[in-house]
Protein backbone atom coordinates (compact mmCIF):
# COMPACT_ATOMS: atom_id res chain seq x y z
CA MET A 1 0.01 0.02 -0.01
CA CYS A 2 1.35 3.41 -0.93
CA PHE A 3 0.81 6.80 0.77
CA ALA A 4 1.98 10.22 -0.35
CA ASP A 5 1.09 13.70 0.85
CA ASP A 6 -0.82 15.93 -1.52
CA SER A 7 2.17 17.73 -3.06
CA SER A 8 2.50 16.99 -6.75
CA ARG A 9 6.17 15.93 -6.53
CA ASP A 10 5.38 13.36 -3.86
CA ILE A 11 2.42 11.93 -5.85
CA ASN A 12 4.51 11.74 -9.04
CA THR A 13 7.38 10.11 -7.18
CA ALA A 14 5.12 7.45 -5.79
CA GLU A 15 3.56 6.73 -9.18
CA LEU A 16 6.95 6.39 -10.80
CA TRP A 17 8.28 4.22 -7.93
CA LEU A 18 5.31 1.81 -8.37
CA GLN A 19 5.75 1.87 -12.13
CA GLY A 20 9.36 0.83 -11.73
CA PHE A 21 8.27 -2.14 -9.64
CA GLY A 22 5.82 -3.22 -12.32
CA CYS A 23 2.94 -2.20 -10.05
CA SER A 24 1.55 0.80 -11.91
CA SER A 25 -1.95 -0.41 -11.22
CA VAL A 26 -1.47 0.04 -7.47
CA PRO A 27 -3.12 3.34 -6.47
CA VAL A 28 -1.31 6.17 -4.67
CA ASN A 29 -3.29 7.09 -1.62
CA VAL A 30 -3.06 10.87 -1.27
CA VAL A 31 -3.02 12.07 2.32
CA ASN A 32 -4.71 15.39 3.18
CA ASP A 33 -7.51 16.81 5.35
CA GLU A 34 -10.20 14.91 3.35
CA SER A 35 -8.31 11.69 2.49
CA TYR A 36 -6.61 9.54 5.12
CA PRO A 37 -6.30 12.44 7.57
CA SER A 38 -4.96 10.05 10.25
CA MET A 39 -1.89 9.51 8.08
CA GLN A 40 -0.93 13.19 8.09
CA PRO A 41 1.26 12.94 11.24
CA VAL A 42 2.85 9.83 9.77
CA LEU A 43 3.97 11.47 6.53
CA SER A 44 4.48 15.11 7.52
CA ASP A 45 7.89 16.39 8.44
CA HIS A 46 6.44 19.11 10.68
CA PHE A 47 3.07 17.93 12.06
CA ASP A 48 2.15 19.79 15.21
CA SER A 49 2.04 16.87 17.65
CA GLY A 50 1.67 19.11 20.71
CA CYS A 51 5.19 18.24 21.82
CA PRO A 52 7.86 20.91 22.29
CA LEU A 53 10.65 21.42 19.78
CA ALA A 54 14.20 22.06 20.65
CA THR A 55 15.02 25.19 22.60
CA GLU A 56 17.83 27.57 21.73
CA GLU A 57 19.77 26.30 24.72
CA GLN A 58 19.44 22.70 23.56
CA VAL A 59 20.57 23.44 19.98
CA ASN A 60 23.45 25.59 21.24
CA GLY A 61 24.53 22.60 23.23
CA LEU A 62 24.96 20.56 20.04
CA TYR A 63 27.91 22.69 18.89
CA GLY A 64 28.89 24.59 22.03
CA GLY A 65 26.93 27.75 21.18
CA ASP A 66 29.90 29.53 19.57
CA VAL A 67 28.61 30.64 16.15
CA ASP A 68 32.02 32.05 15.31
CA ALA A 69 33.57 28.64 15.80
CA LEU A 70 30.91 27.01 13.63
CA THR A 71 31.50 29.62 10.95
CA GLU A 72 35.27 29.18 11.06
CA MET A 73 34.84 25.42 10.55
CA TYR A 74 33.33 26.20 7.13
CA ASP A 75 35.37 29.30 6.37
CA ASN A 76 36.69 28.00 3.06
CA GLU A 77 33.30 26.80 1.90
CA ILE A 78 31.54 30.03 2.81
CA GLN A 79 34.19 32.02 1.02
CA GLY A 80 33.78 29.72 -1.99
CA VAL A 81 30.05 30.56 -2.16
CA ILE A 82 30.84 34.28 -1.82
CA ASP A 83 33.30 34.04 -4.74
CA VAL A 84 30.82 32.25 -6.98
CA LEU A 85 28.18 34.88 -6.18
CA ALA A 86 30.62 37.71 -6.75
CA MET A 87 28.87 39.52 -3.90
CA PRO A 88 28.93 43.31 -4.18
CA ALA A 89 30.07 45.22 -1.10
CA ASP A 90 26.64 46.85 -0.79
CA ALA A 91 24.59 43.62 -1.00
CA TYR A 92 21.37 44.06 0.95
CA ILE A 93 21.44 40.70 2.71
CA CYS A 94 23.65 41.91 5.56
CA GLN A 95 21.27 44.72 6.53
CA TYR A 96 18.32 42.31 6.19
CA ALA A 97 19.86 39.50 8.30
CA ASN A 98 21.98 41.38 10.80
CA PRO A 99 20.66 44.49 12.62
CA LYS A 100 24.13 45.23 13.91
CA PHE A 101 25.57 45.58 10.40
CA ASP A 102 26.62 49.10 9.45
CA PRO A 103 26.68 49.50 5.67
CA ASP A 104 28.58 52.82 5.99
CA THR A 105 31.58 51.22 7.59
CA GLU A 106 31.47 47.56 6.53
CA ALA A 107 31.48 45.64 3.25
CA CYS A 108 28.75 42.99 3.03
CA THR A 109 29.75 39.35 2.72
CA LEU A 110 28.02 36.23 4.01
CA PHE A 111 30.33 36.37 7.03
CA GLU A 112 28.50 39.55 8.23
CA THR A 113 25.03 38.00 8.25
CA GLY A 114 25.19 37.37 12.01
CA TYR A 115 23.20 34.97 14.15
CA THR A 116 19.44 34.84 14.56
CA TRP A 117 17.49 32.17 16.41
CA THR A 118 14.38 31.29 14.38
CA GLY A 119 13.29 27.92 15.76
CA GLN A 120 12.46 26.77 12.20
CA TYR A 121 13.45 23.18 11.58
CA TYR A 122 14.12 23.70 7.84
CA GLN A 123 16.62 26.48 8.74
CA GLY A 124 18.51 24.30 11.19
CA MET A 125 16.74 26.32 13.91
CA PHE A 126 18.86 29.43 13.37
CA GLU A 127 20.25 31.72 10.73
CA SER A 128 23.98 32.25 10.38
CA PRO A 129 26.71 32.51 7.71
CA VAL A 130 26.56 28.72 7.38
CA TYR A 131 22.80 28.77 6.86
CA TYR A 132 22.90 31.43 4.14
CA ALA A 133 25.84 29.75 2.33
CA GLN A 134 24.28 26.27 2.44
CA TYR A 135 21.22 27.57 0.68
CA PHE A 136 23.25 28.18 -2.48
CA ALA A 137 25.31 25.00 -2.06
CA GLU A 138 22.08 22.94 -1.92
CA THR A 139 20.78 24.70 -5.05
CA TRP A 140 23.96 24.02 -6.98
CA MET A 141 24.06 20.40 -5.96
CA LEU A 142 20.47 20.01 -7.21
CA GLN A 143 21.51 21.67 -10.41
CA TYR A 144 24.34 19.18 -10.80
CA MET A 145 22.16 16.14 -10.17
CA SER A 146 19.51 17.50 -12.52
CA ASN A 147 22.13 17.54 -15.36
CA LEU A 148 22.22 21.28 -15.80
CA THR A 149 25.15 22.25 -18.00
CA ASP A 150 26.03 25.48 -16.17
CA TRP A 151 25.63 24.36 -12.58
CA ALA A 152 27.07 26.84 -10.11
CA PHE A 153 27.88 29.08 -13.10
CA ASN A 154 30.68 26.60 -14.03
CA LEU A 155 32.86 28.18 -11.33
CA VAL A 156 33.49 25.27 -8.99
CA THR A 157 34.55 21.64 -9.34
CA LEU A 158 32.43 18.77 -8.14
CA SER A 159 34.88 18.19 -5.32
CA GLN A 160 34.46 21.79 -4.23
CA LEU A 161 30.70 21.51 -4.50
CA ARG A 162 30.69 18.42 -2.29
CA ASP A 163 32.63 20.32 0.36
CA MET A 164 30.17 23.25 0.15
CA TYR A 165 27.24 20.79 0.39
CA GLU A 166 28.54 19.71 3.81
CA MET A 167 27.08 22.95 5.11
CA HIS A 168 23.61 21.87 3.99
CA ILE A 169 24.07 18.48 5.70
CA GLN A 170 25.11 20.29 8.87
CA THR A 171 22.10 22.57 8.75
CA LEU A 172 19.71 19.60 8.39
CA TRP A 173 21.48 17.94 11.26
CA PHE A 174 20.68 20.84 13.53
CA GLY A 175 17.07 20.92 12.25
CA THR A 176 16.57 17.23 12.86
CA ASN A 177 17.91 17.30 16.36
CA TYR A 178 16.81 14.80 18.98
CA TRP A 179 14.00 16.95 20.35
CA ASN A 180 12.55 17.86 16.97
CA SER A 181 12.79 14.16 15.95
CA LEU A 182 10.73 13.15 18.99
CA SER A 183 8.05 15.69 18.20
CA TYR A 184 7.91 15.19 14.42
CA SER A 185 8.78 11.54 13.96
CA SER A 186 7.54 9.58 16.96
CA GLU A 187 4.31 8.99 15.00
CA GLN A 188 6.09 7.67 11.90
CA LEU A 189 8.37 5.28 13.79
CA ALA A 190 5.51 4.05 15.90
CA TYR A 191 3.42 3.45 12.71
CA ILE A 192 6.24 1.36 11.23
CA VAL A 193 6.40 -0.76 14.36
CA ALA A 194 2.63 -1.07 14.63
CA SER A 195 2.46 -2.14 10.98
CA MET A 196 4.95 -4.93 11.66
CA GLU A 197 3.12 -5.92 14.82
CA GLN A 198 -0.16 -6.19 12.88
CA TYR A 199 1.48 -8.37 10.15
CA ILE A 200 3.14 -10.71 12.67
CA SER A 201 0.14 -11.03 14.99
CA GLY A 202 -2.43 -11.37 12.20
CA SER A 203 -4.73 -9.12 14.22
CA PRO A 204 -5.74 -5.54 13.46
CA VAL A 205 -3.79 -2.79 15.32
CA SER A 206 -5.80 0.31 15.98
CA GLY A 207 -4.36 3.24 14.09
CA VAL A 208 -2.89 1.16 11.27
CA VAL A 209 -4.72 1.88 8.02
CA GLN A 210 -3.56 -0.87 5.68
CA ASP A 211 -4.91 -4.42 5.70
CA ILE A 212 -3.37 -7.14 7.92
CA GLY A 213 -1.82 -8.98 5.03
CA THR A 214 -0.13 -5.95 3.44
CA GLN A 215 3.49 -6.91 2.63
CA LEU A 216 4.75 -3.68 1.19
CA LEU A 217 4.06 -0.27 2.76
CA LEU A 218 5.46 2.77 0.91
CA LEU A 219 5.59 6.09 2.75
CA VAL A 220 6.63 8.85 0.37
CA SER A 221 7.88 11.66 2.52
CA HIS A 222 10.93 13.94 2.79
CA ASP A 223 14.62 14.07 3.63
CA MET A 224 13.74 15.39 7.08
CA ASN A 225 11.67 12.28 7.82
CA ILE A 226 14.63 10.01 7.05
CA LEU A 227 16.88 12.16 9.22
CA TYR A 228 14.41 12.05 12.10
CA LEU A 229 14.39 8.24 11.98
CA GLN A 230 18.10 8.23 11.73
CA ARG A 231 18.34 10.33 14.89
CA LEU A 232 15.80 8.31 16.92
CA LEU A 233 17.46 4.98 16.11
CA ASP A 234 21.01 6.29 16.20
CA LEU A 235 21.73 5.12 12.64
CA ASN A 236 24.39 6.26 10.28
CA TRP A 237 25.43 5.60 6.63
CA ILE A 238 27.82 6.88 4.02
CA PRO A 239 26.34 6.21 0.55
CA LEU A 240 28.88 6.00 -2.24
CA GLY A 241 29.44 9.41 -3.82
CA ASN A 242 27.88 11.20 -0.87
CA SER A 243 28.84 12.29 2.61
CA ASN A 244 28.21 11.12 6.11
CA ARG A 245 24.69 11.68 7.58
CA VAL A 246 23.26 12.64 4.20
CA ALA A 247 19.67 12.14 3.16
CA THR A 248 20.21 12.51 -0.58
CA THR A 249 17.75 12.92 -3.37
CA GLY A 250 16.46 9.52 -4.34
CA GLY A 251 17.26 8.05 -0.93
CA THR A 252 15.15 5.29 0.66
CA LEU A 253 15.24 3.98 4.24
CA SER A 254 13.75 0.50 4.28
CA PHE A 255 12.57 -1.65 7.18
CA GLU A 256 12.37 -5.34 6.22
CA LEU A 257 10.73 -8.10 8.19
CA TRP A 258 12.47 -11.46 7.93
CA LYS A 259 11.39 -14.86 9.18
CA SER A 260 13.53 -17.83 10.06
CA LYS A 261 12.39 -20.99 8.28
CA SER A 262 13.74 -23.18 11.04
CA ASP A 263 11.76 -21.80 14.01
CA SER A 264 9.56 -18.99 12.61
CA THR A 265 11.48 -16.28 14.49
CA TYR A 266 11.14 -12.77 13.11
CA TYR A 267 13.95 -10.32 12.48
CA VAL A 268 14.12 -6.69 11.24
CA LYS A 269 16.73 -5.53 8.75
CA LEU A 270 17.33 -1.89 7.84
CA HIS A 271 19.10 -0.46 4.81
CA TYR A 272 19.53 2.91 3.13
CA ASP A 273 19.68 3.00 -0.67
CA ALA A 274 20.47 5.91 -2.97
CA ALA A 275 21.73 6.46 -6.48
CA GLY A 276 24.95 8.44 -6.50
CA PRO A 277 25.24 12.06 -7.72
CA ASP A 278 26.71 10.98 -11.10
CA GLN A 279 24.16 8.25 -11.58
CA GLN A 280 21.43 10.82 -11.00
CA ARG A 281 23.04 13.44 -13.20
CA ASN A 282 23.50 11.10 -16.07
CA ALA A 283 20.12 9.35 -15.57
CA GLU A 284 21.97 6.06 -15.57
CA VAL A 285 20.08 2.80 -15.82
CA LEU A 286 20.65 1.03 -12.54
CA SER A 287 21.34 -2.69 -12.69
CA LEU A 288 23.30 -5.44 -11.07
CA ASP A 289 26.39 -4.07 -12.85
CA ASN A 290 25.61 -0.46 -12.01
CA PRO A 291 23.83 -0.57 -8.62
CA PRO A 292 22.96 2.38 -6.39
CA ALA A 293 24.66 2.66 -3.02
CA ILE A 294 23.21 0.15 -0.56
CA ALA A 295 24.12 0.61 3.10
CA GLU A 296 23.11 -2.15 5.52
CA LEU A 297 22.44 -0.64 8.93
CA VAL A 298 22.94 -1.67 12.51
CA ILE A 299 20.98 -0.13 15.35
CA PRO A 300 23.70 0.24 17.99
CA GLU A 301 21.38 -0.77 20.81
CA CYS A 302 20.67 -4.03 18.95
CA GLY A 303 24.17 -4.67 17.54
CA GLU A 304 23.09 -6.92 14.63
CA VAL A 305 22.12 -6.37 10.98
CA TYR A 306 19.28 -8.83 11.54
CA CYS A 307 17.76 -7.49 14.73
CA PRO A 308 15.36 -9.84 16.55
CA TRP A 309 11.85 -8.52 16.25
CA GLU A 310 11.08 -8.13 19.94
CA THR A 311 14.47 -6.39 20.44
CA PHE A 312 13.77 -4.04 17.58
CA LYS A 313 10.28 -3.32 18.88
CA SER A 314 11.53 -2.58 22.33
CA ILE A 315 14.24 -0.26 21.02
CA ALA A 316 11.98 1.54 18.63
CA LEU A 317 9.14 2.06 21.11
CA SER A 318 11.56 3.26 23.78
CA SER A 319 12.95 5.75 21.28
CA VAL A 320 9.60 7.57 20.70
CA ASP A 321 7.58 9.84 22.96
CA VAL A 322 4.13 8.45 23.24
CA ASN A 323 2.76 11.90 24.08
CA CYS A 324 3.74 13.02 20.56
CA ILE A 325 1.58 10.25 18.98
CA GLN A 326 -2.06 10.79 18.08
CA ASP A 327 -4.93 8.49 19.01
CA PRO A 328 -5.83 5.76 18.12
CA LEU A 329 -2.20 4.81 17.35
CA LYS A 330 -1.13 6.23 20.68
CA SER A 331 -3.29 3.69 22.59
CA SER A 332 -1.88 0.84 20.46
CA VAL A 333 1.69 1.92 21.24
CA GLU A 334 0.91 2.14 24.94
CA SER A 335 -0.54 -1.37 24.76
CA MET A 336 2.46 -2.75 22.92
CA THR A 337 4.81 -1.10 25.41
CA ASP A 338 2.93 -2.44 28.43
CA THR A 339 2.34 -6.05 27.32
CA GLY A 340 5.09 -6.95 24.83
CA ASP A 341 4.37 -10.47 23.57
CA SER A 342 7.68 -12.29 23.42
CA SER A 343 6.36 -15.40 21.72
CA THR A 344 8.32 -14.67 18.57
CA ASP A 345 11.47 -13.38 20.31
CA ASN A 346 14.77 -15.17 20.18
CA ASP A 347 17.99 -13.19 20.64
CA ASP A 348 20.19 -16.01 19.36
CA ASP A 349 21.44 -16.12 15.79
CA ASN A 350 19.29 -18.75 14.13
CA GLY A 351 21.79 -19.95 11.57
CA ASP A 352 22.74 -18.59 8.22
CA TRP A 353 20.54 -15.92 6.57
CA LYS A 354 19.91 -18.34 3.69
CA ASP A 355 17.56 -20.20 6.07
CA TRP A 356 15.44 -17.11 6.37
CA GLU A 357 12.88 -15.59 4.02
CA LEU A 358 11.66 -12.01 3.66
CA VAL A 359 7.98 -11.81 4.50
CA ALA A 360 7.33 -8.10 4.33
CA LEU A 361 8.96 -4.88 3.39
CA THR A 362 7.10 -3.00 6.04
CA ALA A 363 8.08 0.55 5.27
CA ALA A 364 10.14 2.52 2.90
CA VAL A 365 10.55 6.17 3.73
CA CYS A 366 11.47 7.99 0.52
CA ILE A 367 12.52 11.43 -0.40
CA ALA A 368 10.15 12.89 -2.97
CA VAL A 369 12.27 12.90 -6.12
CA PHE A 370 11.89 11.08 -9.39
CA ILE A 371 15.11 9.08 -9.25
CA LEU A 372 13.23 6.54 -7.16
CA PHE A 373 11.87 5.22 -10.38
CA GLN A 374 15.32 3.98 -11.34
CA VAL A 375 16.00 2.56 -7.92
CA ALA A 376 12.76 0.66 -8.16
CA ILE A 377 13.75 -0.80 -11.54
CA TYR A 378 16.96 -1.99 -10.04
CA PHE A 379 15.23 -3.88 -7.27
CA TYR A 380 12.64 -5.29 -9.60
CA GLY A 381 15.39 -6.60 -11.82
CA LYS A 382 16.94 -8.35 -8.87
CA ARG A 383 13.67 -9.96 -7.90
CA ALA A 384 13.20 -11.27 -11.42
CA THR A 385 16.56 -13.09 -11.46
CA GLY A 386 15.27 -16.02 -9.43
CA GLY A 387 17.33 -19.18 -9.17
CA ASP A 388 18.12 -21.56 -6.32
CA ASN A 389 21.44 -19.95 -5.28
CA GLU A 390 19.99 -16.59 -4.44
CA SER A 391 22.12 -14.02 -2.74
CA ASP A 392 20.89 -11.87 0.19
CA SER A 393 20.16 -8.94 -2.11
CA THR A 394 18.33 -11.10 -4.60
CA ARG A 395 16.01 -12.39 -1.89
CA MET A 396 15.32 -9.00 -0.42
CA LEU A 397 12.08 -8.29 -2.23
CA LYS A 398 10.79 -11.81 -2.65
CA VAL A 399 7.42 -11.13 -1.02
């Protein structure tokens, strides 16, 4: 079952993703006030859950509160943006951003934009020289991956652009801090867990929209959603061609439910997949010979790629704030937290993964960009290979 919010890019992404899987007949369920309103807090990257967001004190504590030190860390990258823009000394941005700036005695550069606390998640919670510079770096990276000929006015190399893009990654890291992640993503993580619980138990879970037997749940959301989940579960990945902690265009965070053939024990496996910048720029056909980056993830608190279901459930539910979850899902989460059926739990390694089978891809949280169509083609091609000597990746989507 597929859900997307009512923005056109998300709907188109979902349609192309399904088309790539050979499932173009599967409808995209658009989420808004009139259609599936209960799914809004699941898909949104800024749903007002009633929980507090990070305070200025808390965000300052993430980097020590010294904006000058933060700015100095990216001094070369900020200067690089200034050089590309060829900023005039009388640029208006300094007066707009920094009330202390004196245009009669100072020349305007991005370094003079000052510091302003805004509390806006998409701004990294505050404006600073890093924030203003990263805006242009992000734009130029999107130009590059969209195959524009004159990206960044042809004034920087790809290596320099990647260094500049680090400022954007840093800004999103501040915006998806722990407190914001609790407020904005407790519902989504809880929904993923509840969906798996419903599939395993074979009984309806209040607050879960899809049918009990649903084996593929696609949530088309945004880069912030992926970073919230990354924060709550303490995950990390470095996709080929990208940087640490990135939620790149075309990225997908997948939660897979596996079952041991020997004793019917369930496990959860996570991976992050994304086509590289050059693959996206060149619209390359992804295949077994030209795959996207695939990062298999370990939740530190679990310590295994194949995390036992009950262990995963316990970690995930302890990572959310139930007060940030809306009813009726909230009541279901409270019930799962209180009772915790351990009938399928087994913390031992039940033999080689070849003795296991994938029973459901319970959630894929996707950034809303069209490259997912190609990623989907890649996975569909793997599924179609078949054969008795299947590799782990071949078996992934055998549902």
